[in-house]
PDB file of N, CA and C in Angstrom:
ATOM      1  N   UNK A   1       0.717  -0.974  -0.144  1.00  0.00           N
ATOM      2  CA  UNK A   1       0.282   0.182   0.084  1.00  0.00           C
ATOM      3  C   UNK A   1       0.547   0.759   0.005  1.00  0.00           C
ATOM      4  N   UNK A   2       0.193   1.986  -1.252  1.00  0.00           N
ATOM      5  CA  UNK A   2       1.215   3.325  -0.801  1.00  0.00           C
ATOM      6  C   UNK A   2       0.728   4.393  -0.112  1.00  0.00           C
ATOM      7  N   UNK A   3       1.588   5.608  -0.045  1.00  0.00           N
ATOM      8  CA  UNK A   3       1.132   6.510   0.826  1.00  0.00           C
ATOM      9  C   UNK A   3       0.114   7.082   0.783  1.00  0.00           C
ATOM     10  N   UNK A   4       0.069   7.078  -1.205  1.00  0.00           N
ATOM     11  CA  UNK A   4      -1.246   7.595  -1.049  1.00  0.00           C
ATOM     12  C   UNK A   4      -2.952   6.898  -1.018  1.00  0.00           C
ATOM     13  N   UNK A   5      -2.554   5.442  -0.867  1.00  0.00           N
ATOM     14  CA  UNK A   5      -3.497   5.421  -0.951  1.00  0.00           C
ATOM     15  C   UNK A   5      -4.100   4.781   0.904  1.00  0.00           C
ATOM     16  N   UNK A   6      -2.683   4.913   1.919  1.00  0.00           N
ATOM     17  CA  UNK A   6      -3.089   5.157   2.654  1.00  0.00           C
ATOM     18  C   UNK A   6      -3.752   6.399   3.809  1.00  0.00           C
ATOM     19  N   UNK A   7      -3.147   7.809   3.128  1.00  0.00           N
ATOM     20  CA  UNK A   7      -4.826   9.012   2.958  1.00  0.00           C
ATOM     21  C   UNK A   7      -5.722   8.619   2.990  1.00  0.00           C
ATOM     22  N   UNK A   8      -5.594   8.308   2.479  1.00  0.00           N
ATOM     23  CA  UNK A   8      -7.341   7.517   1.162  1.00  0.00           C
ATOM     24  C   UNK A   8      -7.632   7.144   3.264  1.00  0.00           C
ATOM     25  N   UNK A   9      -7.441   5.806   3.230  1.00  0.00           N
ATOM     26  CA  UNK A   9      -7.572   4.976   4.147  1.00  0.00           C
ATOM     27  C   UNK A   9      -7.933   6.258   4.950  1.00  0.00           C
ATOM     28  N   UNK A  10      -7.411   6.463   5.199  1.00  0.00           N
ATOM     29  CA  UNK A  10      -7.414   7.593   6.808  1.00  0.00           C
ATOM     30  C   UNK A  10      -8.955   8.466   6.735  1.00  0.00           C
ATOM     31  N   UNK A  11      -8.589   9.143   5.028  1.00  0.00           N
ATOM     32  CA  UNK A  11      -9.806   9.991   4.748  1.00  0.00           C
ATOM     33  C   UNK A  11     -10.971   9.232   5.301  1.00  0.00           C
ATOM     34  N   UNK A  12     -10.986   8.565   4.426  1.00  0.00           N
ATOM     35  CA  UNK A  12     -12.393   7.210   5.137  1.00  0.00           C
ATOM     36  C   UNK A  12     -12.488   7.450   5.991  1.00  0.00           C
ATOM     37  N   UNK A  13     -11.627   6.441   6.934  1.00  0.00           N
ATOM     38  CA  UNK A  13     -12.276   6.362   8.170  1.00  0.00           C
ATOM     39  C   UNK A  13     -12.378   7.548   8.853  1.00  0.00           C
ATOM     40  N   UNK A  14     -11.880   9.256   8.548  1.00  0.00           N
ATOM     41  CA  UNK A  14     -11.888  10.178   9.294  1.00  0.00           C
ATOM     42  C   UNK A  14     -13.647  10.679   9.161  1.00  0.00           C
ATOM     43  N   UNK A  15     -13.559  10.726   7.990  1.00  0.00           N
ATOM     44  CA  UNK A  15     -15.404  10.291   7.299  1.00  0.00           C
ATOM     45  C   UNK A  15     -16.216  10.051   8.052  1.00  0.00           C
ATOM     46  N   UNK A  16     -16.286   7.981   8.154  1.00  0.00           N
ATOM     47  CA  UNK A  16     -16.451   7.655   8.860  1.00  0.00           C
ATOM     48  C   UNK A  16     -17.856   7.379   9.713  1.00  0.00           C
ATOM     49  N   UNK A  17     -16.261   7.715  10.893  1.00  0.00           N
ATOM     50  CA  UNK A  17     -16.535   8.959  12.235  1.00  0.00           C
ATOM     51  C   UNK A  17     -17.479   9.584  12.468  1.00  0.00           C
ATOM     52  N   UNK A  18     -17.118  10.850  10.688  1.00  0.00           N
ATOM     53  CA  UNK A  18     -18.644  12.077  11.470  1.00  0.00           C
ATOM     54  C   UNK A  18     -20.103  11.651  10.999  1.00  0.00           C
ATOM     55  N   UNK A  19     -19.867  10.314  11.126  1.00  0.00           N
ATOM     56  CA  UNK A  19     -20.951   9.324  10.027  1.00  0.00           C
ATOM     57  C   UNK A  19     -22.392   9.561  11.328  1.00  0.00           C
ATOM     58  N   UNK A  20     -23.057   8.730  11.438  1.00  0.00           N
ATOM     59  CA  UNK A  20     -25.061   8.415  12.628  1.00  0.00           C
ATOM     60  C   UNK A  20     -23.555   7.327  12.702  1.00  0.00           C
ATOM     61  N   UNK A  21     -24.483   7.188  14.141  1.00  0.00           N
ATOM     62  CA  UNK A  21     -24.174   5.925  14.014  1.00  0.00           C
ATOM     63  C   UNK A  21     -24.237   4.184  14.210  1.00  0.00           C
ATOM     64  N   UNK A  22     -25.344   5.035  13.091  1.00  0.00           N
ATOM     65  CA  UNK A  22     -26.325   3.626  12.151  1.00  0.00           C
ATOM     66  C   UNK A  22     -25.627   3.029  11.807  1.00  0.00           C
ATOM     67  N   UNK A  23     -25.466   3.998  10.425  1.00  0.00           N
ATOM     68  CA  UNK A  23     -23.710   3.358   9.601  1.00  0.00           C
ATOM     69  C   UNK A  23     -22.690   3.352   9.788  1.00  0.00           C
ATOM     70  N   UNK A  24     -22.134   3.986  10.878  1.00  0.00           N
ATOM     71  CA  UNK A  24     -21.146   3.801  11.109  1.00  0.00           C
ATOM     72  C   UNK A  24     -19.520   2.246  11.827  1.00  0.00           C
ATOM     73  N   UNK A  25     -20.894   1.464  11.906  1.00  0.00           N
ATOM     74  CA  UNK A  25     -20.238   0.495  13.032  1.00  0.00           C
ATOM     75  C   UNK A  25     -20.212  -0.608  11.272  1.00  0.00           C
ATOM     76  N   UNK A  26     -21.203  -0.900   9.902  1.00  0.00           N
ATOM     77  CA  UNK A  26     -20.574  -1.224   9.169  1.00  0.00           C
ATOM     78  C   UNK A  26     -19.774  -0.754   8.547  1.00  0.00           C
ATOM     79  N   UNK A  27     -20.068  -0.031   8.166  1.00  0.00           N
ATOM     80  CA  UNK A  27     -18.958   0.945   7.113  1.00  0.00           C
ATOM     81  C   UNK A  27     -16.980   0.760   8.276  1.00  0.00           C
ATOM     82  N   UNK A  28     -17.743   1.016   9.292  1.00  0.00           N
ATOM     83  CA  UNK A  28     -15.823   0.750  10.027  1.00  0.00           C
ATOM     84  C   UNK A  28     -15.319  -0.852  10.060  1.00  0.00           C
ATOM     85  N   UNK A  29     -15.934  -1.315  10.361  1.00  0.00           N
ATOM     86  CA  UNK A  29     -15.950  -3.101  10.323  1.00  0.00           C
ATOM     87  C   UNK A  29     -15.837  -3.251   8.373  1.00  0.00           C
ATOM     88  N   UNK A  30     -16.187  -2.845   8.060  1.00  0.00           N
ATOM     89  CA  UNK A  30     -15.918  -3.125   6.408  1.00  0.00           C
ATOM     90  C   UNK A  30     -14.335  -2.213   6.153  1.00  0.00           C
ATOM     91  N   UNK A  31     -13.789  -1.624   6.504  1.00  0.00           N
ATOM     92  CA  UNK A  31     -12.389  -0.371   6.259  1.00  0.00           C
ATOM     93  C   UNK A  31     -12.211  -1.193   7.006  1.00  0.00           C
ATOM     94  N   UNK A  32     -11.998  -1.993   8.662  1.00  0.00           N
ATOM     95  CA  UNK A  32     -10.950  -2.331   9.415  1.00  0.00           C
ATOM     96  C   UNK A  32     -10.210  -3.513   9.081  1.00  0.00           C
ATOM     97  N   UNK A  33     -11.180  -4.679   8.122  1.00  0.00           N
ATOM     98  CA  UNK A  33     -11.476  -5.632   7.421  1.00  0.00           C
ATOM     99  C   UNK A  33     -10.589  -5.060   5.737  1.00  0.00           C
ATOM    100  N   UNK A  34     -10.976  -4.259   5.127  1.00  0.00           N
ATOM    101  CA  UNK A  34      -9.982  -3.768   4.139  1.00  0.00           C
ATOM    102  C   UNK A  34      -8.982  -3.774   4.614  1.00  0.00           C
ATOM    103  N   UNK A  35      -8.282  -3.097   6.226  1.00  0.00           N
ATOM    104  CA  UNK A  35      -7.342  -2.652   5.849  1.00  0.00           C
ATOM    105  C   UNK A  35      -6.215  -4.178   6.867  1.00  0.00           C
ATOM    106  N   UNK A  36      -6.783  -5.141   7.365  1.00  0.00           N
ATOM    107  CA  UNK A  36      -6.270  -5.752   7.902  1.00  0.00           C
ATOM    108  C   UNK A  36      -5.627  -6.441   7.184  1.00  0.00           C
ATOM    109  N   UNK A  37      -6.227  -6.189   5.627  1.00  0.00           N
ATOM    110  CA  UNK A  37      -6.628  -7.354   4.769  1.00  0.00           C
ATOM    111  C   UNK A  37      -5.534  -6.654   3.828  1.00  0.00           C
ATOM    112  N   UNK A  38      -5.236  -6.076   3.535  1.00  0.00           N
ATOM    113  CA  UNK A  38      -3.924  -4.074   3.106  1.00  0.00           C
ATOM    114  C   UNK A  38      -2.786  -4.504   3.515  1.00  0.00           C
ATOM    115  N   UNK A  39      -2.768  -5.082   4.895  1.00  0.00           N
ATOM    116  CA  UNK A  39      -1.451  -4.865   6.071  1.00  0.00           C
ATOM    117  C   UNK A  39      -1.179  -6.721   5.201  1.00  0.00           C
ATOM    118  N   UNK A  40      -1.347  -7.506   5.216  1.00  0.00           N
ATOM    119  CA  UNK A  40      -1.383  -8.893   5.737  1.00  0.00           C
ATOM    120  C   UNK A  40      -0.737  -8.742   4.690  1.00  0.00           C
ATOM    121  N   UNK A  41      -1.471  -8.168   3.016  1.00  0.00           N
ATOM    122  CA  UNK A  41      -1.149  -8.113   1.953  1.00  0.00           C
ATOM    123  C   UNK A  41       0.794  -7.624   1.645  1.00  0.00           C
ATOM    124  N   UNK A  42       0.859  -6.092   1.851  1.00  0.00           N
ATOM    125  CA  UNK A  42       1.931  -6.077   2.170  1.00  0.00           C
ATOM    126  C   UNK A  42       2.721  -6.518   2.483  1.00  0.00           C
ATOM    127  N   UNK A  43       2.711  -6.804   4.099  1.00  0.00           N
ATOM    128  CA  UNK A  43       3.765  -8.235   5.158  1.00  0.00           C
ATOM    129  C   UNK A  43       4.302  -9.141   3.982  1.00  0.00           C
ATOM    130  N   UNK A  44       2.903 -10.149   3.023  1.00  0.00           N
ATOM    131  CA  UNK A  44       3.544 -10.599   2.480  1.00  0.00           C
ATOM    132  C   UNK A  44       4.844 -10.308   1.264  1.00  0.00           C
ATOM    133  N   UNK A  45       3.896  -9.197   0.466  1.00  0.00           N
ATOM    134  CA  UNK A  45       5.486  -8.887  -0.195  1.00  0.00           C
ATOM    135  C   UNK A  45       6.360  -8.376   0.303  1.00  0.00           C
ATOM    136  N   UNK A  46       6.834  -8.319   1.461  1.00  0.00           N
ATOM    137  CA  UNK A  46       8.066  -7.891   2.387  1.00  0.00           C
ATOM    138  C   UNK A  46       8.848  -8.809   2.582  1.00  0.00           C
ATOM    139  N   UNK A  47       7.260  -9.457   3.024  1.00  0.00           N
ATOM    140  CA  UNK A  47       8.274 -10.798   2.688  1.00  0.00           C
ATOM    141  C   UNK A  47       9.596 -11.794   1.858  1.00  0.00           C
ATOM    142  N   UNK A  48       8.176 -11.610   0.329  1.00  0.00           N
ATOM    143  CA  UNK A  48       8.474 -11.760  -0.976  1.00  0.00           C
ATOM    144  C   UNK A  48       9.370 -10.922  -1.489  1.00  0.00           C
ATOM    145  N   UNK A  49      10.590  -9.516  -0.557  1.00  0.00           N
ATOM    146  CA  UNK A  49      10.332  -9.422  -1.814  1.00  0.00           C
ATOM    147  C   UNK A  49      12.683  -9.385  -0.243  1.00  0.00           C
ATOM    148  N   UNK A  50      12.034  -9.639   1.237  1.00  0.00           N
ATOM    149  CA  UNK A  50      13.355 -10.668   0.863  1.00  0.00           C
ATOM    150  C   UNK A  50      13.322 -12.062   0.870  1.00  0.00           C
ATOM    151  N   UNK A  51      13.199 -12.728   0.450  1.00  0.00           N
ATOM    152  CA  UNK A  51      12.857 -13.542   0.238  1.00  0.00           C
ATOM    153  C   UNK A  51      14.135 -13.291  -1.359  1.00  0.00           C
ATOM    154  N   UNK A  52      13.383 -12.528  -2.356  1.00  0.00           N
ATOM    155  CA  UNK A  52      13.782 -12.199  -3.885  1.00  0.00           C
ATOM    156  C   UNK A  52      14.912 -12.081  -3.458  1.00  0.00           C
ATOM    157  N   UNK A  53      15.450 -10.467  -2.143  1.00  0.00           N
ATOM    158  CA  UNK A  53      17.412 -10.478  -2.422  1.00  0.00           C
ATOM    159  C   UNK A  53      18.507 -10.979  -1.097  1.00  0.00           C
ATOM    160  N   UNK A  54      17.682 -12.396  -1.098  1.00  0.00           N
ATOM    161  CA  UNK A  54      18.829 -13.605  -0.090  1.00  0.00           C
ATOM    162  C   UNK A  54      18.398 -13.924  -2.295  1.00  0.00           C
ATOM    163  N   UNK A  55      18.445 -13.861  -2.260  1.00  0.00           N
ATOM    164  CA  UNK A  55      17.955 -14.928  -3.225  1.00  0.00           C
ATOM    165  C   UNK A  55      19.630 -15.026  -4.212  1.00  0.00           C
ATOM    166  N   UNK A  56      18.936 -13.227  -5.287  1.00  0.00           N
ATOM    167  CA  UNK A  56      20.235 -12.170  -4.796  1.00  0.00           C
ATOM    168  C   UNK A  56      21.715 -12.085  -4.911  1.00  0.00           C
ATOM    169  N   UNK A  57      21.373 -12.395  -3.272  1.00  0.00           N
ATOM    170  CA  UNK A  57      22.746 -11.865  -2.485  1.00  0.00           C
ATOM    171  C   UNK A  57      23.675 -13.790  -2.417  1.00  0.00           C
ATOM    172  N   UNK A  58      22.885 -14.031  -3.101  1.00  0.00           N
ATOM    173  CA  UNK A  58      24.130 -15.863  -3.149  1.00  0.00           C
ATOM    174  C   UNK A  58      24.567 -16.107  -4.073  1.00  0.00           C
ATOM    175  N   UNK A  59      22.805 -16.048  -4.893  1.00  0.00           N
ATOM    176  CA  UNK A  59      23.731 -14.716  -6.658  1.00  0.00           C
ATOM    177  C   UNK A  59      24.355 -14.384  -7.297  1.00  0.00           C
ATOM    178  N   UNK A  60      24.873 -13.190  -6.480  1.00  0.00           N
ATOM    179  CA  UNK A  60      26.089 -12.721  -6.940  1.00  0.00           C
ATOM    180  C   UNK A  60      26.945 -13.817  -5.916  1.00  0.00           C
ATOM    181  N   UNK A  61      27.297 -14.004  -5.008  1.00  0.00           N
ATOM    182  CA  UNK A  61      28.889 -14.683  -4.245  1.00  0.00           C
ATOM    183  C   UNK A  61      29.223 -16.165  -5.153  1.00  0.00           C
ATOM    184  N   UNK A  62      28.036 -16.620  -5.845  1.00  0.00           N
ATOM    185  CA  UNK A  62      27.901 -17.237  -6.370  1.00  0.00           C
ATOM    186  C   UNK A  62      29.145 -17.572  -7.976  1.00  0.00           C
ATOM    187  N   UNK A  63      28.081 -15.737  -8.843  1.00  0.00           N
ATOM    188  CA  UNK A  63      29.478 -15.849 -10.056  1.00  0.00           C
ATOM    189  C   UNK A  63      29.912 -14.514  -9.290  1.00  0.00           C
ATOM    190  N   UNK A  64      30.024 -14.409  -8.351  1.00  0.00           N
ATOM    191  CA  UNK A  64      31.413 -13.445  -8.603  1.00  0.00           C
ATOM    192  C   UNK A  64      32.713 -15.397  -7.863  1.00  0.00           C
ATOM    193  N   UNK A  65      32.190 -15.881  -7.469  1.00  0.00           N
ATOM    194  CA  UNK A  65      32.818 -17.050  -6.552  1.00  0.00           C
ATOM    195  C   UNK A  65      33.627 -17.957  -8.030  1.00  0.00           C
ATOM    196  N   UNK A  66      32.204 -18.218  -9.161  1.00  0.00           N
ATOM    197  CA  UNK A  66      32.490 -18.226 -10.762  1.00  0.00           C
ATOM    198  C   UNK A  66      33.568 -17.381 -11.294  1.00  0.00           C
ATOM    199  N   UNK A  67      33.408 -15.646 -11.362  1.00  0.00           N
ATOM    200  CA  UNK A  67      34.234 -15.504 -12.062  1.00  0.00           C
ATOM    201  C   UNK A  67      36.248 -14.933 -11.034  1.00  0.00           C
ATOM    202  N   UNK A  68      35.829 -15.409 -10.029  1.00  0.00           N
ATOM    203  CA  UNK A  68      37.867 -15.539  -9.457  1.00  0.00           C
ATOM    204  C   UNK A  68      38.421 -17.537 -10.056  1.00  0.00           C
ATOM    205  N   UNK A  69      37.347 -18.774  -9.418  1.00  0.00           N
ATOM    206  CA  UNK A  69      38.003 -19.470 -10.458  1.00  0.00           C
ATOM    207  C   UNK A  69      38.139 -19.403 -12.598  1.00  0.00           C
ATOM    208  N   UNK A  70      37.264 -18.701 -13.071  1.00  0.00           N
ATOM    209  CA  UNK A  70      37.891 -18.370 -14.087  1.00  0.00           C
ATOM    210  C   UNK A  70      39.095 -17.838 -14.585  1.00  0.00           C
ATOM    211  N   UNK A  71      38.915 -16.356 -13.497  1.00  0.00           N
ATOM    212  CA  UNK A  71      40.769 -15.869 -13.428  1.00  0.00           C
ATOM    213  C   UNK A  71      41.666 -16.998 -12.599  1.00  0.00           C
ATOM    214  N   UNK A  72      41.512 -17.561 -12.333  1.00  0.00           N
ATOM    215  CA  UNK A  72      42.265 -18.177 -12.293  1.00  0.00           C
ATOM    216  C   UNK A  72      42.497 -19.359 -13.263  1.00  0.00           C
ATOM    217  N   UNK A  73      42.075 -20.204 -13.858  1.00  0.00           N
ATOM    218  CA  UNK A  73      42.267 -21.098 -14.236  1.00  0.00           C
ATOM    219  C   UNK A  73      43.026 -20.466 -15.517  1.00  0.00           C
ATOM    220  N   UNK A  74      42.062 -18.991 -16.509  1.00  0.00           N
ATOM    221  CA  UNK A  74      42.911 -18.041 -17.717  1.00  0.00           C
ATOM    222  C   UNK A  74      44.260 -18.320 -17.040  1.00  0.00           C
ATOM    223  N   UNK A  75      44.682 -18.185 -15.865  1.00  0.00           N
ATOM    224  CA  UNK A  75      46.044 -17.473 -15.823  1.00  0.00           C
ATOM    225  C   UNK A  75      47.509 -19.298 -15.354  1.00  0.00           C
ATOM    226  N   UNK A  76      46.187 -20.017 -14.737  1.00  0.00           N
ATOM    227  CA  UNK A  76      47.351 -20.934 -14.922  1.00  0.00           C
ATOM    228  C   UNK A  76      47.723 -21.489 -16.617  1.00  0.00           C
ATOM    229  N   UNK A  77      45.953 -21.510 -17.603  1.00  0.00           N
ATOM    230  CA  UNK A  77      45.971 -22.160 -18.708  1.00  0.00           C
ATOM    231  C   UNK A  77      47.175 -21.057 -19.447  1.00  0.00           C
ATOM    232  N   UNK A  78      48.036 -19.899 -19.046  1.00  0.00           N
ATOM    233  CA  UNK A  78      47.568 -18.880 -19.860  1.00  0.00           C
ATOM    234  C   UNK A  78      50.630 -18.938 -20.085  1.00  0.00           C
ATOM    235  N   UNK A  79      50.123 -19.394 -17.811  1.00  0.00           N
ATOM    236  CA  UNK A  79      51.020 -19.900 -18.691  1.00  0.00           C
ATOM    237  C   UNK A  79      52.103 -21.381 -18.543  1.00  0.00           C
ATOM    238  N   UNK A  80      50.594 -22.240 -19.014  1.00  0.00           N
ATOM    239  CA  UNK A  80      50.511 -23.362 -20.139  1.00  0.00           C
ATOM    240  C   UNK A  80      50.842 -22.960 -21.526  1.00  0.00           C
ATOM    241  N   UNK A  81      50.992 -22.067 -21.922  1.00  0.00           N
ATOM    242  CA  UNK A  81      50.671 -21.569 -22.873  1.00  0.00           C
ATOM    243  C   UNK A  81      52.540 -21.100 -22.870  1.00  0.00           C
ATOM    244  N   UNK A  82      52.072 -20.175 -22.260  1.00  0.00           N
ATOM    245  CA  UNK A  82      53.636 -19.148 -22.343  1.00  0.00           C
ATOM    246  C   UNK A  82      55.032 -20.405 -22.351  1.00  0.00           C
ATOM    247  N   UNK A  83      54.393 -21.871 -21.753  1.00  0.00           N
ATOM    248  CA  UNK A  83      55.761 -22.019 -21.185  1.00  0.00           C
ATOM    249  C   UNK A  83      56.074 -23.222 -22.454  1.00  0.00           C
ATOM    250  N   UNK A  84      54.833 -23.252 -22.995  1.00  0.00           N
ATOM    251  CA  UNK A  84      55.123 -24.971 -24.245  1.00  0.00           C
ATOM    252  C   UNK A  84      55.857 -23.664 -26.034  1.00  0.00           C
ATOM    253  N   UNK A  85      55.481 -22.201 -25.500  1.00  0.00           N
ATOM    254  CA  UNK A  85      55.993 -21.519 -26.763  1.00  0.00           C
ATOM    255  C   UNK A  85      57.635 -21.039 -26.553  1.00  0.00           C
ATOM    256  N   UNK A  86      58.294 -21.268 -25.211  1.00  0.00           N
ATOM    257  CA  UNK A  86      59.049 -21.189 -25.340  1.00  0.00           C
ATOM    258  C   UNK A  86      60.190 -21.947 -26.293  1.00  0.00           C
TER     259      UNK A  86
END
């Protein structure tokens, strides 16, 4: 939920507080349920984001390891080629 959506919900809640009591209960309950669902979606999205970041970190570590291994292998192969050319 972004900032504008949160501000809109808060404005709706303030408007609901000013309404007559008969309509307040149902609407406030509805808004509370919607807010709870939005909060749960936000938590789920945050958890998915953390998982994606963890996966990205692991992938970067693997790529760095592979790059260093490739450099070592290239250095070794160059030494072999230089030794056979002499």
